[in-house]
Amino acid sequence: MGAQLKLKPSSVTIQAAVGIGTKSDGGFGLKVDLIATIGGLAQADAEKVVAAGHTVCPYSNAVKGNVDVTIAVKIT
């Protein structure tokens, strides 16, 4: 991902918290909160790398539309 954008983070750490939340149409569903900590890039560039990764990630694609996912990007 970073290579296609010509961005090379010095480090990448992903923390995930998985839980159960309510669905807008009633009932319950899974929710995932992700925190991506990216080293060596400016905030805007780190967000580009994470967004690009989220679009091609097989796990992201598997849960798209079925699981509520929030992503926060921090830089170090």
N, C-alpha and C. Protein backbone atom coordinates (compact mmCIF):
# COMPACT_ATOMS: atom_id res chain seq x y z
N MET A 1 0.81 -1.19 0.00
CA MET A 1 0.00 0.00 0.00
C MET A 1 0.85 1.25 0.00
N GLY A 2 1.73 1.39 0.98
CA GLY A 2 2.55 2.57 1.05
C GLY A 2 3.40 2.75 -0.20
N ALA A 3 3.82 1.65 -0.82
CA ALA A 3 4.65 1.76 -2.02
C ALA A 3 3.88 2.38 -3.17
N GLN A 4 2.60 2.03 -3.36
CA GLN A 4 1.79 2.61 -4.42
C GLN A 4 1.60 4.11 -4.20
N LEU A 5 1.53 4.53 -2.96
CA LEU A 5 1.37 5.94 -2.64
C LEU A 5 2.71 6.65 -2.55
N LYS A 6 3.79 5.92 -2.67
CA LYS A 6 5.14 6.46 -2.51
C LYS A 6 5.36 6.96 -1.08
N LEU A 7 4.67 6.38 -0.14
CA LEU A 7 4.81 6.72 1.28
C LEU A 7 5.32 5.50 2.01
N LYS A 8 6.33 5.69 2.83
CA LYS A 8 6.92 4.56 3.55
C LYS A 8 6.97 4.87 5.04
N PRO A 9 5.98 4.39 5.79
CA PRO A 9 6.01 4.61 7.24
C PRO A 9 7.19 3.86 7.86
N SER A 10 7.72 4.42 8.93
CA SER A 10 8.82 3.75 9.63
C SER A 10 8.30 2.67 10.57
N SER A 11 7.04 2.78 10.96
CA SER A 11 6.43 1.74 11.81
C SER A 11 4.91 1.80 11.65
N VAL A 12 4.29 0.64 11.85
CA VAL A 12 2.83 0.54 11.80
C VAL A 12 2.40 -0.41 12.92
N THR A 13 1.49 0.07 13.76
CA THR A 13 0.91 -0.77 14.80
C THR A 13 -0.61 -0.61 14.74
N ILE A 14 -1.32 -1.71 14.78
CA ILE A 14 -2.78 -1.67 14.76
C ILE A 14 -3.31 -2.30 16.04
N GLN A 15 -4.15 -1.56 16.75
CA GLN A 15 -4.84 -2.10 17.92
C GLN A 15 -6.30 -2.26 17.54
N ALA A 16 -6.92 -3.36 17.96
CA ALA A 16 -8.32 -3.61 17.63
C ALA A 16 -9.09 -3.96 18.89
N ALA A 17 -10.28 -3.41 18.97
CA ALA A 17 -11.22 -3.77 20.04
C ALA A 17 -12.51 -4.22 19.36
N VAL A 18 -12.92 -5.43 19.65
CA VAL A 18 -14.12 -5.99 19.03
C VAL A 18 -15.18 -6.12 20.11
N GLY A 19 -16.38 -5.69 19.77
CA GLY A 19 -17.46 -5.76 20.76
C GLY A 19 -18.80 -5.96 20.08
N ILE A 20 -19.83 -5.82 20.86
CA ILE A 20 -21.20 -5.95 20.37
C ILE A 20 -21.87 -4.60 20.51
N GLY A 21 -22.51 -4.17 19.44
CA GLY A 21 -23.23 -2.90 19.44
C GLY A 21 -24.63 -3.10 18.91
N THR A 22 -25.42 -2.06 19.00
CA THR A 22 -26.79 -2.15 18.49
C THR A 22 -26.81 -1.78 17.01
N LYS A 23 -27.71 -2.40 16.28
CA LYS A 23 -27.88 -2.12 14.87
C LYS A 23 -28.99 -1.10 14.70
N SER A 24 -28.92 -0.28 13.66
CA SER A 24 -29.93 0.76 13.43
C SER A 24 -31.31 0.17 13.17
N ASP A 25 -31.36 -1.05 12.63
CA ASP A 25 -32.66 -1.68 12.36
C ASP A 25 -33.11 -2.58 13.50
N GLY A 26 -32.45 -2.49 14.65
CA GLY A 26 -32.80 -3.31 15.81
C GLY A 26 -31.87 -4.49 15.96
N GLY A 27 -31.80 -5.02 17.14
CA GLY A 27 -30.94 -6.16 17.40
C GLY A 27 -29.50 -5.75 17.67
N PHE A 28 -28.65 -6.73 17.59
CA PHE A 28 -27.24 -6.50 17.92
C PHE A 28 -26.35 -6.97 16.78
N GLY A 29 -25.17 -6.40 16.72
CA GLY A 29 -24.18 -6.79 15.72
C GLY A 29 -22.79 -6.53 16.24
N LEU A 30 -21.83 -7.02 15.52
CA LEU A 30 -20.44 -6.80 15.91
C LEU A 30 -20.02 -5.38 15.56
N LYS A 31 -19.07 -4.85 16.34
CA LYS A 31 -18.45 -3.57 16.03
C LYS A 31 -16.96 -3.70 16.29
N VAL A 32 -16.19 -3.00 15.51
CA VAL A 32 -14.74 -3.05 15.62
C VAL A 32 -14.21 -1.62 15.65
N ASP A 33 -13.38 -1.33 16.64
CA ASP A 33 -12.69 -0.06 16.72
C ASP A 33 -11.21 -0.32 16.49
N LEU A 34 -10.65 0.32 15.49
CA LEU A 34 -9.24 0.15 15.16
C LEU A 34 -8.48 1.45 15.42
N ILE A 35 -7.30 1.31 15.99
CA ILE A 35 -6.40 2.45 16.16
C ILE A 35 -5.11 2.10 15.44
N ALA A 36 -4.81 2.85 14.39
CA ALA A 36 -3.58 2.66 13.63
C ALA A 36 -2.58 3.71 14.08
N THR A 37 -1.44 3.25 14.58
CA THR A 37 -0.37 4.17 14.98
C THR A 37 0.73 4.05 13.93
N ILE A 38 0.99 5.17 13.27
CA ILE A 38 1.91 5.18 12.14
C ILE A 38 3.10 6.07 12.48
N GLY A 39 4.29 5.57 12.25
CA GLY A 39 5.51 6.35 12.50
C GLY A 39 6.13 6.85 11.21
N GLY A 40 6.74 8.02 11.28
CA GLY A 40 7.52 8.52 10.16
C GLY A 40 6.76 9.24 9.08
N LEU A 41 5.47 9.52 9.28
CA LEU A 41 4.68 10.24 8.29
C LEU A 41 3.90 11.37 8.96
N ALA A 42 3.53 12.35 8.18
CA ALA A 42 2.63 13.40 8.66
C ALA A 42 1.23 12.81 8.81
N GLN A 43 0.39 13.44 9.61
CA GLN A 43 -0.96 12.94 9.87
C GLN A 43 -1.74 12.68 8.58
N ALA A 44 -1.74 13.62 7.66
CA ALA A 44 -2.51 13.45 6.42
C ALA A 44 -2.00 12.26 5.60
N ASP A 45 -0.69 12.09 5.54
CA ASP A 45 -0.13 10.96 4.80
C ASP A 45 -0.42 9.63 5.50
N ALA A 46 -0.35 9.62 6.82
CA ALA A 46 -0.68 8.41 7.58
C ALA A 46 -2.13 8.01 7.33
N GLU A 47 -3.02 9.00 7.28
CA GLU A 47 -4.43 8.71 7.02
C GLU A 47 -4.62 8.15 5.62
N LYS A 48 -3.86 8.62 4.64
CA LYS A 48 -3.93 8.09 3.28
C LYS A 48 -3.52 6.62 3.24
N VAL A 49 -2.43 6.30 3.94
CA VAL A 49 -1.94 4.93 3.96
C VAL A 49 -2.97 4.00 4.60
N VAL A 50 -3.53 4.42 5.72
CA VAL A 50 -4.52 3.59 6.42
C VAL A 50 -5.78 3.43 5.57
N ALA A 51 -6.25 4.50 4.95
CA ALA A 51 -7.45 4.42 4.09
C ALA A 51 -7.21 3.48 2.91
N ALA A 52 -6.04 3.57 2.30
CA ALA A 52 -5.72 2.69 1.18
C ALA A 52 -5.68 1.24 1.63
N GLY A 53 -5.06 1.00 2.77
CA GLY A 53 -5.01 -0.37 3.30
C GLY A 53 -6.39 -0.93 3.61
N HIS A 54 -7.26 -0.07 4.12
CA HIS A 54 -8.62 -0.51 4.47
C HIS A 54 -9.42 -0.91 3.23
N THR A 55 -9.12 -0.32 2.08
CA THR A 55 -9.86 -0.66 0.87
C THR A 55 -9.45 -1.99 0.26
N VAL A 56 -8.22 -2.44 0.52
CA VAL A 56 -7.76 -3.70 -0.08
C VAL A 56 -7.62 -4.84 0.92
N CYS A 57 -7.74 -4.56 2.20
CA CYS A 57 -7.57 -5.58 3.24
C CYS A 57 -8.64 -6.66 3.11
N PRO A 58 -8.26 -7.93 3.06
CA PRO A 58 -9.26 -9.00 2.94
C PRO A 58 -10.23 -9.04 4.13
N TYR A 59 -9.76 -8.73 5.32
CA TYR A 59 -10.65 -8.70 6.48
C TYR A 59 -11.65 -7.56 6.35
N SER A 60 -11.18 -6.39 5.93
CA SER A 60 -12.07 -5.25 5.74
C SER A 60 -13.13 -5.57 4.70
N ASN A 61 -12.71 -6.18 3.61
CA ASN A 61 -13.67 -6.54 2.56
C ASN A 61 -14.66 -7.59 3.02
N ALA A 62 -14.24 -8.50 3.88
CA ALA A 62 -15.13 -9.55 4.36
C ALA A 62 -16.23 -9.01 5.28
N VAL A 63 -15.93 -7.96 6.03
CA VAL A 63 -16.91 -7.45 7.00
C VAL A 63 -17.65 -6.22 6.49
N LYS A 64 -17.24 -5.69 5.33
CA LYS A 64 -17.84 -4.46 4.79
C LYS A 64 -19.35 -4.60 4.67
N GLY A 65 -20.06 -3.67 5.29
CA GLY A 65 -21.52 -3.68 5.25
C GLY A 65 -22.15 -4.56 6.31
N ASN A 66 -21.35 -5.37 7.00
CA ASN A 66 -21.88 -6.29 8.00
C ASN A 66 -21.45 -5.95 9.41
N VAL A 67 -20.34 -5.25 9.55
CA VAL A 67 -19.77 -4.93 10.85
C VAL A 67 -19.46 -3.44 10.88
N ASP A 68 -19.86 -2.77 11.97
CA ASP A 68 -19.56 -1.35 12.14
C ASP A 68 -18.08 -1.20 12.51
N VAL A 69 -17.30 -0.54 11.64
CA VAL A 69 -15.87 -0.37 11.85
C VAL A 69 -15.54 1.11 11.95
N THR A 70 -14.85 1.48 13.02
CA THR A 70 -14.33 2.85 13.14
C THR A 70 -12.81 2.77 13.16
N ILE A 71 -12.18 3.75 12.53
CA ILE A 71 -10.72 3.77 12.44
C ILE A 71 -10.20 5.12 12.89
N ALA A 72 -9.25 5.10 13.81
CA ALA A 72 -8.54 6.31 14.25
C ALA A 72 -7.09 6.16 13.84
N VAL A 73 -6.48 7.25 13.39
CA VAL A 73 -5.09 7.22 12.97
C VAL A 73 -4.29 8.18 13.85
N LYS A 74 -3.24 7.64 14.47
CA LYS A 74 -2.32 8.44 15.28
C LYS A 74 -0.94 8.36 14.64
N ILE A 75 -0.15 9.42 14.86
CA ILE A 75 1.22 9.37 14.35
C ILE A 75 2.20 9.43 15.52
N THR A 76 3.37 8.84 15.30
CA THR A 76 4.43 8.89 16.31
C THR A 76 5.67 9.52 15.72
